[in-house]
Amino acid sequence: MMKEWATVVAWKDGVATLHSEAKTSCNSCSARKGCGSHALNQLGPKNAHVMTIASPEPLQPGQRIELGIRESSLLGSALLVYMTPLFGLFLLAGIFQMLFHSDLAAACGALLGGIGGFIVAKGVSNLFGDREAFQPVILNVALPPDALRVESEV
């Protein structure tokens, strides 16, 4: 099981809003200027992911919880996201090449197949994404921030 800690932002009616910081090593690498991963990280959300999860027990803002998701669902999602567009790309490129006997047609077919594969992957993920196997679960709940108080005698 893949595990990650998140901070509770809000809890209302059994649904917790969580804030999870993405761990990246881009800030410690010296090859940032020539790295494609660094450039892609700049396009997306900066370092935070906000999500909602069902939590029957009340949580307080600032409280830390440990989330877990099964490796099989994570691998299945990665397979869907990467292989469906690739399969569509090769399939339509081959079909367009056979039909039109042109490299330009094959390139257009590859482009259409890749885009179509992304659309199919999005549709399939919307169908199966709500299943319980693909949802994170709460593994541990830490104490609320105000529950622990340390006093020192001087």
N, C-alpha and C. Protein backbone atom coordinates (compact mmCIF):
# COMPACT_ATOMS: atom_id res chain seq x y z
N MET A 1 0.84 -1.17 0.00
CA MET A 1 0.00 0.00 0.00
C MET A 1 0.89 1.24 0.00
N MET A 2 0.55 2.17 -0.87
CA MET A 2 1.26 3.45 -0.93
C MET A 2 0.69 4.35 0.15
N LYS A 3 1.57 5.02 0.91
CA LYS A 3 1.13 5.84 2.03
C LYS A 3 1.59 7.27 1.86
N GLU A 4 0.78 8.20 2.35
CA GLU A 4 1.09 9.62 2.27
C GLU A 4 0.39 10.35 3.41
N TRP A 5 1.06 11.32 4.00
CA TRP A 5 0.45 12.12 5.06
C TRP A 5 -0.19 13.36 4.45
N ALA A 6 -1.33 13.75 5.01
CA ALA A 6 -2.05 14.93 4.55
C ALA A 6 -2.54 15.71 5.76
N THR A 7 -2.82 16.99 5.56
CA THR A 7 -3.32 17.87 6.61
C THR A 7 -4.79 18.18 6.35
N VAL A 8 -5.58 18.10 7.41
CA VAL A 8 -7.01 18.40 7.29
C VAL A 8 -7.20 19.91 7.18
N VAL A 9 -7.93 20.32 6.15
CA VAL A 9 -8.26 21.73 5.96
C VAL A 9 -9.63 22.02 6.57
N ALA A 10 -10.58 21.10 6.34
CA ALA A 10 -11.93 21.27 6.87
C ALA A 10 -12.59 19.90 6.98
N TRP A 11 -13.59 19.80 7.87
CA TRP A 11 -14.40 18.59 8.00
C TRP A 11 -15.83 19.01 8.19
N LYS A 12 -16.73 18.46 7.37
CA LYS A 12 -18.14 18.80 7.49
C LYS A 12 -18.98 17.62 7.01
N ASP A 13 -19.92 17.19 7.82
CA ASP A 13 -20.88 16.13 7.48
C ASP A 13 -20.20 14.86 6.97
N GLY A 14 -19.13 14.44 7.60
CA GLY A 14 -18.47 13.19 7.24
C GLY A 14 -17.55 13.26 6.05
N VAL A 15 -17.27 14.46 5.56
CA VAL A 15 -16.35 14.61 4.42
C VAL A 15 -15.23 15.55 4.84
N ALA A 16 -14.00 15.08 4.71
CA ALA A 16 -12.83 15.87 5.08
C ALA A 16 -12.16 16.41 3.82
N THR A 17 -11.79 17.67 3.87
CA THR A 17 -10.99 18.28 2.81
C THR A 17 -9.55 18.25 3.26
N LEU A 18 -8.68 17.69 2.43
CA LEU A 18 -7.29 17.48 2.81
C LEU A 18 -6.35 18.23 1.89
N HIS A 19 -5.20 18.57 2.43
CA HIS A 19 -4.14 19.25 1.70
C HIS A 19 -2.90 18.37 1.81
N SER A 20 -2.40 17.94 0.68
CA SER A 20 -1.22 17.08 0.66
C SER A 20 -0.14 17.76 -0.17
N GLU A 21 1.06 17.83 0.36
CA GLU A 21 2.16 18.46 -0.36
C GLU A 21 2.88 17.42 -1.19
N ALA A 22 3.12 17.77 -2.45
CA ALA A 22 3.84 16.88 -3.35
C ALA A 22 5.32 16.92 -3.02
N LYS A 23 5.91 15.74 -2.97
CA LYS A 23 7.35 15.65 -2.72
C LYS A 23 8.07 15.61 -4.06
N THR A 24 8.96 16.52 -4.25
CA THR A 24 9.73 16.54 -5.49
C THR A 24 11.19 16.80 -5.17
N SER A 25 12.04 16.25 -5.98
CA SER A 25 13.48 16.45 -5.77
C SER A 25 14.03 17.49 -6.72
N CYS A 26 13.16 18.22 -7.41
CA CYS A 26 13.62 19.19 -8.39
C CYS A 26 14.41 20.34 -7.76
N ASN A 27 14.14 20.67 -6.52
CA ASN A 27 14.84 21.78 -5.89
C ASN A 27 16.26 21.42 -5.48
N SER A 28 16.57 20.13 -5.39
CA SER A 28 17.91 19.74 -4.97
C SER A 28 18.81 19.31 -6.13
N CYS A 29 18.27 19.26 -7.33
CA CYS A 29 19.04 18.80 -8.47
C CYS A 29 19.73 19.98 -9.15
N SER A 30 20.94 19.77 -9.61
CA SER A 30 21.68 20.86 -10.25
C SER A 30 21.39 20.99 -11.74
N ALA A 31 20.64 20.05 -12.33
CA ALA A 31 20.36 20.09 -13.76
C ALA A 31 18.98 20.65 -14.06
N ARG A 32 18.51 21.59 -13.26
CA ARG A 32 17.15 22.11 -13.42
C ARG A 32 16.92 22.79 -14.76
N LYS A 33 17.89 23.52 -15.26
CA LYS A 33 17.68 24.30 -16.48
C LYS A 33 17.51 23.42 -17.70
N GLY A 34 18.12 22.25 -17.72
CA GLY A 34 18.01 21.37 -18.87
C GLY A 34 17.11 20.17 -18.65
N CYS A 35 16.33 20.19 -17.60
CA CYS A 35 15.53 19.03 -17.24
C CYS A 35 14.08 19.20 -17.68
N GLY A 36 13.54 18.20 -18.36
CA GLY A 36 12.15 18.24 -18.79
C GLY A 36 11.18 18.08 -17.64
N SER A 37 11.54 17.29 -16.63
CA SER A 37 10.65 17.11 -15.48
C SER A 37 10.47 18.41 -14.72
N HIS A 38 11.53 19.18 -14.60
CA HIS A 38 11.44 20.47 -13.91
C HIS A 38 10.50 21.40 -14.67
N ALA A 39 10.60 21.41 -15.99
CA ALA A 39 9.73 22.26 -16.79
C ALA A 39 8.28 21.83 -16.67
N LEU A 40 8.02 20.52 -16.65
CA LEU A 40 6.65 20.03 -16.51
C LEU A 40 6.09 20.33 -15.12
N ASN A 41 6.93 20.25 -14.09
CA ASN A 41 6.47 20.57 -12.74
C ASN A 41 6.07 22.03 -12.61
N GLN A 42 6.68 22.90 -13.40
CA GLN A 42 6.33 24.32 -13.34
C GLN A 42 4.95 24.59 -13.94
N LEU A 43 4.48 23.70 -14.83
CA LEU A 43 3.18 23.90 -15.47
C LEU A 43 2.02 23.55 -14.56
N GLY A 44 2.19 22.54 -13.73
CA GLY A 44 1.10 22.05 -12.90
C GLY A 44 0.98 22.79 -11.59
N PRO A 45 0.18 22.20 -10.65
CA PRO A 45 0.06 22.82 -9.34
C PRO A 45 1.42 22.88 -8.66
N LYS A 46 1.64 23.93 -7.93
CA LYS A 46 2.99 24.19 -7.43
C LYS A 46 3.51 23.09 -6.49
N ASN A 47 2.90 22.82 -5.41
CA ASN A 47 3.37 21.75 -4.54
C ASN A 47 2.25 21.16 -3.71
N ALA A 48 1.02 21.42 -4.06
CA ALA A 48 -0.07 20.99 -3.20
C ALA A 48 -1.18 20.32 -3.99
N HIS A 49 -1.79 19.35 -3.37
CA HIS A 49 -2.97 18.68 -3.91
C HIS A 49 -4.07 18.79 -2.86
N VAL A 50 -5.24 19.21 -3.29
CA VAL A 50 -6.39 19.29 -2.40
C VAL A 50 -7.36 18.21 -2.81
N MET A 51 -7.83 17.42 -1.83
CA MET A 51 -8.75 16.33 -2.13
C MET A 51 -9.78 16.21 -1.02
N THR A 52 -10.85 15.50 -1.31
CA THR A 52 -11.87 15.22 -0.30
C THR A 52 -11.93 13.72 -0.10
N ILE A 53 -12.22 13.32 1.14
CA ILE A 53 -12.30 11.90 1.48
C ILE A 53 -13.34 11.74 2.58
N ALA A 54 -14.07 10.63 2.53
CA ALA A 54 -15.07 10.35 3.55
C ALA A 54 -14.38 9.99 4.86
N SER A 55 -14.85 10.61 5.95
CA SER A 55 -14.30 10.33 7.27
C SER A 55 -15.44 10.36 8.28
N PRO A 56 -15.83 9.19 8.79
CA PRO A 56 -16.95 9.17 9.74
C PRO A 56 -16.63 9.86 11.06
N GLU A 57 -15.37 9.83 11.47
CA GLU A 57 -15.02 10.49 12.73
C GLU A 57 -14.65 11.95 12.48
N PRO A 58 -15.07 12.84 13.38
CA PRO A 58 -14.79 14.27 13.18
C PRO A 58 -13.29 14.55 13.23
N LEU A 59 -12.86 15.42 12.34
CA LEU A 59 -11.46 15.84 12.29
C LEU A 59 -11.40 17.34 12.45
N GLN A 60 -10.27 17.81 12.97
CA GLN A 60 -10.08 19.24 13.18
C GLN A 60 -9.09 19.79 12.15
N PRO A 61 -9.30 21.03 11.72
CA PRO A 61 -8.33 21.64 10.81
C PRO A 61 -6.94 21.65 11.43
N GLY A 62 -5.95 21.31 10.64
CA GLY A 62 -4.57 21.23 11.10
C GLY A 62 -4.17 19.84 11.52
N GLN A 63 -5.11 18.96 11.69
CA GLN A 63 -4.81 17.58 12.10
C GLN A 63 -4.19 16.82 10.93
N ARG A 64 -3.23 15.96 11.23
CA ARG A 64 -2.54 15.18 10.20
C ARG A 64 -3.13 13.78 10.15
N ILE A 65 -3.35 13.28 8.93
CA ILE A 65 -3.83 11.91 8.77
C ILE A 65 -2.98 11.22 7.71
N GLU A 66 -2.87 9.91 7.86
CA GLU A 66 -2.11 9.11 6.90
C GLU A 66 -3.09 8.42 5.96
N LEU A 67 -2.90 8.65 4.67
CA LEU A 67 -3.75 8.05 3.64
C LEU A 67 -3.01 6.90 2.99
N GLY A 68 -3.77 5.94 2.48
CA GLY A 68 -3.18 4.83 1.76
C GLY A 68 -4.00 4.49 0.54
N ILE A 69 -3.34 4.03 -0.50
CA ILE A 69 -4.01 3.55 -1.71
C ILE A 69 -3.27 2.30 -2.18
N ARG A 70 -4.04 1.33 -2.67
CA ARG A 70 -3.43 0.06 -3.08
C ARG A 70 -2.56 0.24 -4.32
N GLU A 71 -1.45 -0.48 -4.35
CA GLU A 71 -0.55 -0.41 -5.49
C GLU A 71 -1.23 -0.88 -6.77
N SER A 72 -2.10 -1.88 -6.66
CA SER A 72 -2.74 -2.42 -7.85
C SER A 72 -3.62 -1.37 -8.53
N SER A 73 -4.32 -0.56 -7.75
CA SER A 73 -5.16 0.48 -8.36
C SER A 73 -4.29 1.58 -8.94
N LEU A 74 -3.18 1.88 -8.30
CA LEU A 74 -2.27 2.89 -8.82
C LEU A 74 -1.63 2.43 -10.13
N LEU A 75 -1.21 1.17 -10.17
CA LEU A 75 -0.62 0.63 -11.40
C LEU A 75 -1.65 0.52 -12.52
N GLY A 76 -2.88 0.14 -12.17
CA GLY A 76 -3.94 0.07 -13.17
C GLY A 76 -4.25 1.44 -13.76
N SER A 77 -4.25 2.46 -12.92
CA SER A 77 -4.49 3.82 -13.40
C SER A 77 -3.37 4.28 -14.31
N ALA A 78 -2.13 4.00 -13.93
CA ALA A 78 -0.99 4.39 -14.76
C ALA A 78 -1.02 3.66 -16.10
N LEU A 79 -1.38 2.39 -16.07
CA LEU A 79 -1.48 1.63 -17.31
C LEU A 79 -2.55 2.22 -18.22
N LEU A 80 -3.69 2.58 -17.67
CA LEU A 80 -4.77 3.18 -18.45
C LEU A 80 -4.34 4.51 -19.05
N VAL A 81 -3.73 5.36 -18.25
CA VAL A 81 -3.37 6.70 -18.71
C VAL A 81 -2.28 6.69 -19.77
N TYR A 82 -1.32 5.77 -19.65
CA TYR A 82 -0.21 5.76 -20.60
C TYR A 82 -0.45 4.86 -21.81
N MET A 83 -1.04 3.71 -21.60
CA MET A 83 -1.14 2.74 -22.69
C MET A 83 -2.32 2.99 -23.63
N THR A 84 -3.42 3.54 -23.14
CA THR A 84 -4.56 3.78 -24.03
C THR A 84 -4.22 4.78 -25.13
N PRO A 85 -3.63 5.94 -24.83
CA PRO A 85 -3.25 6.84 -25.93
C PRO A 85 -2.19 6.24 -26.86
N LEU A 86 -1.27 5.48 -26.29
CA LEU A 86 -0.24 4.86 -27.12
C LEU A 86 -0.84 3.82 -28.07
N PHE A 87 -1.77 3.02 -27.54
CA PHE A 87 -2.45 2.04 -28.38
C PHE A 87 -3.26 2.73 -29.47
N GLY A 88 -3.98 3.80 -29.13
CA GLY A 88 -4.74 4.55 -30.13
C GLY A 88 -3.84 5.16 -31.18
N LEU A 89 -2.69 5.67 -30.76
CA LEU A 89 -1.73 6.26 -31.69
C LEU A 89 -1.28 5.24 -32.74
N PHE A 90 -0.84 4.06 -32.29
CA PHE A 90 -0.36 3.05 -33.23
C PHE A 90 -1.49 2.47 -34.08
N LEU A 91 -2.65 2.28 -33.49
CA LEU A 91 -3.77 1.68 -34.22
C LEU A 91 -4.22 2.59 -35.36
N LEU A 92 -4.51 3.85 -35.07
CA LEU A 92 -4.98 4.74 -36.12
C LEU A 92 -3.88 5.09 -37.12
N ALA A 93 -2.64 5.16 -36.70
CA ALA A 93 -1.54 5.39 -37.65
C ALA A 93 -1.46 4.23 -38.64
N GLY A 94 -1.59 3.01 -38.15
CA GLY A 94 -1.56 1.84 -39.04
C GLY A 94 -2.75 1.80 -39.98
N ILE A 95 -3.93 2.10 -39.44
CA ILE A 95 -5.13 2.09 -40.29
C ILE A 95 -5.05 3.17 -41.37
N PHE A 96 -4.63 4.38 -41.00
CA PHE A 96 -4.52 5.46 -41.98
C PHE A 96 -3.43 5.15 -43.02
N GLN A 97 -2.36 4.51 -42.61
CA GLN A 97 -1.30 4.13 -43.55
C GLN A 97 -1.83 3.10 -44.55
N MET A 98 -2.60 2.12 -44.06
CA MET A 98 -3.16 1.11 -44.96
C MET A 98 -4.20 1.69 -45.91
N LEU A 99 -5.01 2.62 -45.44
CA LEU A 99 -6.07 3.18 -46.26
C LEU A 99 -5.57 4.18 -47.29
N PHE A 100 -4.65 5.06 -46.88
CA PHE A 100 -4.26 6.17 -47.74
C PHE A 100 -2.86 6.03 -48.33
N HIS A 101 -2.06 5.07 -47.86
CA HIS A 101 -0.70 4.82 -48.37
C HIS A 101 0.15 6.09 -48.38
N SER A 102 0.09 6.83 -47.29
CA SER A 102 0.84 8.08 -47.21
C SER A 102 1.36 8.26 -45.80
N ASP A 103 2.58 8.78 -45.71
CA ASP A 103 3.15 9.05 -44.39
C ASP A 103 2.43 10.20 -43.70
N LEU A 104 1.99 11.16 -44.48
CA LEU A 104 1.24 12.28 -43.91
C LEU A 104 -0.08 11.80 -43.31
N ALA A 105 -0.74 10.90 -43.99
CA ALA A 105 -1.99 10.33 -43.47
C ALA A 105 -1.71 9.52 -42.20
N ALA A 106 -0.60 8.79 -42.19
CA ALA A 106 -0.25 8.01 -41.00
C ALA A 106 0.03 8.94 -39.82
N ALA A 107 0.70 10.07 -40.07
CA ALA A 107 0.97 11.03 -39.01
C ALA A 107 -0.33 11.64 -38.48
N CYS A 108 -1.25 11.96 -39.39
CA CYS A 108 -2.55 12.50 -38.96
C CYS A 108 -3.33 11.45 -38.16
N GLY A 109 -3.26 10.20 -38.63
CA GLY A 109 -3.92 9.12 -37.90
C GLY A 109 -3.32 8.92 -36.52
N ALA A 110 -1.99 9.05 -36.43
CA ALA A 110 -1.33 8.92 -35.13
C ALA A 110 -1.78 10.03 -34.18
N LEU A 111 -1.87 11.24 -34.70
CA LEU A 111 -2.33 12.36 -33.88
C LEU A 111 -3.76 12.15 -33.41
N LEU A 112 -4.64 11.76 -34.33
CA LEU A 112 -6.04 11.51 -33.96
C LEU A 112 -6.16 10.33 -33.00
N GLY A 113 -5.36 9.30 -33.21
CA GLY A 113 -5.40 8.14 -32.31
C GLY A 113 -4.91 8.46 -30.91
N GLY A 114 -3.87 9.27 -30.82
CA GLY A 114 -3.38 9.67 -29.50
C GLY A 114 -4.40 10.51 -28.76
N ILE A 115 -4.99 11.47 -29.46
CA ILE A 115 -6.02 12.31 -28.83
C ILE A 115 -7.23 11.46 -28.45
N GLY A 116 -7.63 10.57 -29.36
CA GLY A 116 -8.75 9.67 -29.05
C GLY A 116 -8.46 8.76 -27.87
N GLY A 117 -7.21 8.32 -27.77
CA GLY A 117 -6.82 7.48 -26.63
C GLY A 117 -6.93 8.23 -25.32
N PHE A 118 -6.54 9.51 -25.32
CA PHE A 118 -6.68 10.33 -24.11
C PHE A 118 -8.15 10.48 -23.73
N ILE A 119 -9.01 10.68 -24.73
CA ILE A 119 -10.44 10.83 -24.47
C ILE A 119 -11.03 9.53 -23.92
N VAL A 120 -10.64 8.41 -24.50
CA VAL A 120 -11.10 7.10 -24.00
C VAL A 120 -10.61 6.87 -22.57
N ALA A 121 -9.35 7.19 -22.30
CA ALA A 121 -8.81 7.01 -20.94
C ALA A 121 -9.57 7.88 -19.93
N LYS A 122 -9.90 9.10 -20.33
CA LYS A 122 -10.67 9.99 -19.44
C LYS A 122 -12.05 9.40 -19.17
N GLY A 123 -12.71 8.89 -20.21
CA GLY A 123 -14.04 8.29 -20.04
C GLY A 123 -14.01 7.06 -19.16
N VAL A 124 -13.03 6.18 -19.38
CA VAL A 124 -12.91 4.97 -18.57
C VAL A 124 -12.58 5.33 -17.12
N SER A 125 -11.73 6.32 -16.92
CA SER A 125 -11.39 6.71 -15.54
C SER A 125 -12.60 7.31 -14.84
N ASN A 126 -13.47 8.02 -15.56
CA ASN A 126 -14.70 8.54 -14.95
C ASN A 126 -15.65 7.41 -14.57
N LEU A 127 -15.68 6.34 -15.38
CA LEU A 127 -16.54 5.20 -15.07
C LEU A 127 -16.06 4.42 -13.85
N PHE A 128 -14.76 4.15 -13.79
CA PHE A 128 -14.22 3.30 -12.74
C PHE A 128 -13.61 4.05 -11.57
N GLY A 129 -13.46 5.36 -11.68
CA GLY A 129 -12.79 6.13 -10.64
C GLY A 129 -13.52 6.19 -9.32
N ASP A 130 -14.83 5.99 -9.34
CA ASP A 130 -15.61 6.06 -8.10
C ASP A 130 -15.64 4.73 -7.35
N ARG A 131 -15.07 3.70 -7.91
CA ARG A 131 -15.05 2.41 -7.21
C ARG A 131 -14.19 2.52 -5.95
N GLU A 132 -14.55 1.71 -4.98
CA GLU A 132 -13.86 1.75 -3.69
C GLU A 132 -12.38 1.38 -3.80
N ALA A 133 -12.04 0.50 -4.74
CA ALA A 133 -10.65 0.08 -4.90
C ALA A 133 -9.74 1.21 -5.34
N PHE A 134 -10.31 2.24 -5.98
CA PHE A 134 -9.50 3.35 -6.48
C PHE A 134 -9.49 4.55 -5.54
N GLN A 135 -10.16 4.44 -4.40
CA GLN A 135 -10.24 5.55 -3.45
C GLN A 135 -9.21 5.39 -2.35
N PRO A 136 -8.60 6.49 -1.91
CA PRO A 136 -7.68 6.39 -0.76
C PRO A 136 -8.45 6.12 0.52
N VAL A 137 -7.80 5.48 1.46
CA VAL A 137 -8.40 5.19 2.76
C VAL A 137 -7.56 5.82 3.85
N ILE A 138 -8.19 6.12 4.97
CA ILE A 138 -7.48 6.70 6.11
C ILE A 138 -6.87 5.56 6.91
N LEU A 139 -5.56 5.59 7.08
CA LEU A 139 -4.85 4.56 7.83
C LEU A 139 -4.63 4.96 9.28
N ASN A 140 -4.16 6.18 9.50
CA ASN A 140 -3.88 6.68 10.85
C ASN A 140 -4.36 8.11 10.98
N VAL A 141 -4.78 8.45 12.17
CA VAL A 141 -5.18 9.82 12.47
C VAL A 141 -4.31 10.29 13.63
N ALA A 142 -3.58 11.37 13.41
CA ALA A 142 -2.73 11.93 14.45
C ALA A 142 -3.57 12.78 15.40
N LEU A 143 -3.01 13.10 16.53
CA LEU A 143 -3.71 13.96 17.48
C LEU A 143 -3.95 15.33 16.88
N PRO A 144 -5.05 15.98 17.29
CA PRO A 144 -5.26 17.35 16.83
C PRO A 144 -4.15 18.26 17.34
N PRO A 145 -3.92 19.39 16.67
CA PRO A 145 -2.83 20.26 17.07
C PRO A 145 -2.95 20.80 18.49
N ASP A 146 -4.17 20.95 19.00
CA ASP A 146 -4.32 21.51 20.34
C ASP A 146 -4.47 20.44 21.42
N ALA A 147 -4.35 19.16 21.09
CA ALA A 147 -4.54 18.08 22.05
C ALA A 147 -3.30 17.82 22.89
N LEU A 148 -2.16 18.21 22.41
CA LEU A 148 -0.91 17.95 23.12
C LEU A 148 -0.31 19.26 23.57
N ARG A 149 -0.07 19.37 24.86
CA ARG A 149 0.49 20.58 25.40
C ARG A 149 1.68 20.20 26.27
N VAL A 150 2.77 20.87 26.06
CA VAL A 150 3.99 20.61 26.81
C VAL A 150 4.24 21.78 27.75
N GLU A 151 4.37 21.46 29.03
CA GLU A 151 4.66 22.49 30.02
C GLU A 151 6.05 22.23 30.59
N SER A 152 6.78 23.27 30.78
CA SER A 152 8.10 23.11 31.37
C SER A 152 8.17 23.95 32.65
N GLU A 153 8.83 23.39 33.61
CA GLU A 153 9.01 24.10 34.89
C GLU A 153 10.36 24.80 34.88
N VAL A 154 10.33 26.04 35.27
CA VAL A 154 11.56 26.81 35.32
C VAL A 154 11.95 27.08 36.73
